[in-house]
Amino acid sequence: MSNKLGEYLRELRGKQSLRDISEKTQLRLSHSYISDLENGYSRKKKPIQPSPETLKILSEVYNVKYYELMELAGYLEPQDTQNISHSTNSIEQELNKMIRDLTHGDAQSINDMDENTKELLIMSLENSLRIAQRESKKK
């Protein structure tokens, strides 16, 4: 594990105790293992590399993007994370455009829809946007 990941994890933890963080993981990660991750090596002084599953848990606990932790741990190259971020932004922009078009009657064939169908479609797109935004925070 790179030292940058350990420093970042320590910074994210802030003043919370290791035990508090362990409890937030629903005890899937022990406080001593979290300490090892922050230090970059095990208690036996061997370099430690967290698994992608561990990074996923930590991204949820700290509410940071999963792919950022994957990059810091060396699983992804910086350009990979930029591509992921760009793709997520593109999806959100497209959904927002669709919602605007439907709301203002600018979408193709919008005039062919009854008001109830149009309203349901808008609600569905808004829900899709919320899900996409929530998922992008997990990555």
Protein backbone atom coordinates (compact mmCIF):
# COMPACT_ATOMS: atom_id res chain seq x y z
CA MET A 1 0.00 0.00 0.00
CA SER A 2 1.29 3.44 -0.80
CA ASN A 3 1.90 5.83 2.03
CA LYS A 4 -0.52 8.26 0.33
CA LEU A 5 -3.43 5.91 0.96
CA GLY A 6 -2.54 5.53 4.63
CA GLU A 7 -2.20 9.27 5.10
CA TYR A 8 -5.49 9.85 3.31
CA LEU A 9 -7.28 7.26 5.47
CA ARG A 10 -5.86 8.85 8.62
CA GLU A 11 -6.98 12.28 7.43
CA LEU A 12 -10.49 10.96 6.67
CA ARG A 13 -10.75 9.41 10.11
CA GLY A 14 -9.91 12.75 11.72
CA LYS A 15 -10.51 12.68 15.44
CA GLN A 16 -12.61 9.53 15.40
CA SER A 17 -11.05 6.59 17.17
CA LEU A 18 -10.04 3.45 15.30
CA ARG A 19 -12.66 1.60 17.33
CA ASP A 20 -15.36 4.00 16.11
CA ILE A 21 -14.38 3.35 12.51
CA SER A 22 -14.31 -0.39 13.10
CA GLU A 23 -17.85 -0.21 14.49
CA LYS A 24 -18.97 1.79 11.44
CA THR A 25 -17.76 -1.08 9.25
CA GLN A 26 -20.07 -3.30 11.33
CA LEU A 27 -16.87 -4.90 12.64
CA ARG A 28 -15.93 -6.20 9.18
CA LEU A 29 -12.58 -4.45 9.72
CA SER A 30 -10.86 -4.52 13.09
CA HIS A 31 -9.44 -1.36 14.60
CA SER A 32 -5.95 -2.90 14.50
CA TYR A 33 -6.30 -3.67 10.77
CA ILE A 34 -7.43 -0.10 10.09
CA SER A 35 -4.35 1.09 11.98
CA ASP A 36 -2.18 -1.20 9.83
CA LEU A 37 -3.74 0.31 6.70
CA GLU A 38 -3.03 3.82 7.91
CA ASN A 39 0.57 2.89 8.69
CA GLY A 40 1.05 1.04 5.39
CA TYR A 41 2.38 -2.14 6.97
CA SER A 42 1.29 -4.92 9.27
CA ARG A 43 2.37 -5.32 12.87
CA LYS A 44 4.96 -7.76 11.52
CA LYS A 45 6.37 -4.81 9.52
CA LYS A 46 5.32 -6.32 6.18
CA PRO A 47 3.81 -4.01 3.54
CA ILE A 48 0.04 -4.26 3.52
CA GLN A 49 -2.20 -4.08 0.45
CA PRO A 50 -5.93 -3.75 1.14
CA SER A 51 -8.24 -5.76 -1.09
CA PRO A 52 -10.72 -4.00 -3.37
CA GLU A 53 -13.46 -5.28 -1.04
CA THR A 54 -11.77 -3.57 1.93
CA LEU A 55 -11.50 -0.35 -0.05
CA LYS A 56 -15.21 -0.59 -0.91
CA ILE A 57 -16.09 -0.86 2.78
CA LEU A 58 -13.86 2.11 3.62
CA SER A 59 -15.34 4.22 0.80
CA GLU A 60 -18.79 3.65 2.27
CA VAL A 61 -17.72 4.39 5.85
CA TYR A 62 -15.84 7.57 4.90
CA ASN A 63 -18.33 8.55 2.17
CA VAL A 64 -15.62 8.96 -0.48
CA LYS A 65 -15.41 7.70 -4.04
CA TYR A 66 -14.38 4.08 -4.28
CA TYR A 67 -12.27 4.64 -7.38
CA GLU A 68 -10.18 7.26 -5.55
CA LEU A 69 -9.19 4.70 -2.92
CA MET A 70 -8.54 2.16 -5.69
CA GLU A 71 -6.16 4.63 -7.34
CA LEU A 72 -4.32 5.43 -4.09
CA ALA A 73 -3.93 1.69 -3.44
CA GLY A 74 -2.43 1.20 -6.90
CA TYR A 75 -5.27 -0.76 -8.49
CA LEU A 76 -6.12 2.02 -10.97
CA GLU A 77 -4.04 4.51 -12.91
CA PRO A 78 -4.90 8.21 -12.55
CA GLN A 79 -6.26 8.31 -16.12
CA ASP A 80 -8.66 5.47 -15.24
CA THR A 81 -10.18 7.49 -12.40
CA GLN A 82 -10.51 10.52 -14.68
CA ASN A 83 -12.38 8.37 -17.21
CA ILE A 84 -14.72 7.05 -14.51
CA SER A 85 -15.40 10.54 -13.22
CA HIS A 86 -16.01 11.84 -16.76
CA SER A 87 -18.42 8.98 -17.54
CA THR A 88 -20.38 9.61 -14.35
CA ASN A 89 -20.63 13.32 -15.10
CA SER A 90 -21.77 12.58 -18.67
CA ILE A 91 -24.56 10.31 -17.43
CA GLU A 92 -25.74 12.93 -14.94
CA GLN A 93 -25.69 15.64 -17.62
CA GLU A 94 -27.71 13.50 -20.04
CA LEU A 95 -30.31 12.67 -17.38
CA ASN A 96 -30.61 16.32 -16.39
CA LYS A 97 -31.06 17.30 -20.06
CA MET A 98 -33.78 14.68 -20.53
CA ILE A 99 -35.62 15.91 -17.44
CA ARG A 100 -35.40 19.55 -18.62
CA ASP A 101 -36.59 18.62 -22.11
CA LEU A 102 -39.54 16.66 -20.76
CA THR A 103 -40.44 19.32 -18.23
CA HIS A 104 -40.45 22.07 -20.85
CA GLY A 105 -42.00 20.01 -23.64
CA ASP A 106 -38.88 20.09 -25.83
CA ALA A 107 -38.37 16.33 -26.10
CA GLN A 108 -39.15 14.37 -29.24
CA SER A 109 -42.67 12.95 -29.27
CA ILE A 110 -43.47 14.63 -25.96
CA ASN A 111 -46.68 15.95 -27.48
CA ASP A 112 -47.80 12.37 -28.13
CA MET A 113 -47.73 11.53 -24.39
CA ASP A 114 -50.59 12.09 -22.03
CA GLU A 115 -49.84 14.15 -18.91
CA ASN A 116 -49.81 11.12 -16.61
CA THR A 117 -47.24 9.27 -18.76
CA LYS A 118 -45.09 12.40 -19.02
CA GLU A 119 -45.20 12.89 -15.24
CA LEU A 120 -44.28 9.23 -14.61
CA LEU A 121 -41.38 9.46 -17.06
CA ILE A 122 -40.05 12.61 -15.39
CA MET A 123 -40.30 10.98 -11.95
CA SER A 124 -38.49 7.91 -13.26
CA LEU A 125 -35.67 10.00 -14.74
CA GLU A 126 -35.34 12.02 -11.53
CA ASN A 127 -35.09 8.79 -9.57
CA SER A 128 -32.48 7.47 -12.02
CA LEU A 129 -30.49 10.65 -11.53
CA ARG A 130 -30.60 10.29 -7.73
CA ILE A 131 -29.41 6.67 -8.01
CA ALA A 132 -26.61 7.63 -10.42
CA GLN A 133 -25.45 10.40 -8.07
CA ARG A 134 -25.55 8.07 -5.04
CA GLU A 135 -23.64 5.37 -6.91
CA SER A 136 -21.03 7.82 -8.14
CA LYS A 137 -20.28 8.75 -4.54
CA LYS A 138 -19.64 5.10 -3.75
CA LYS A 139 -17.18 4.64 -6.61
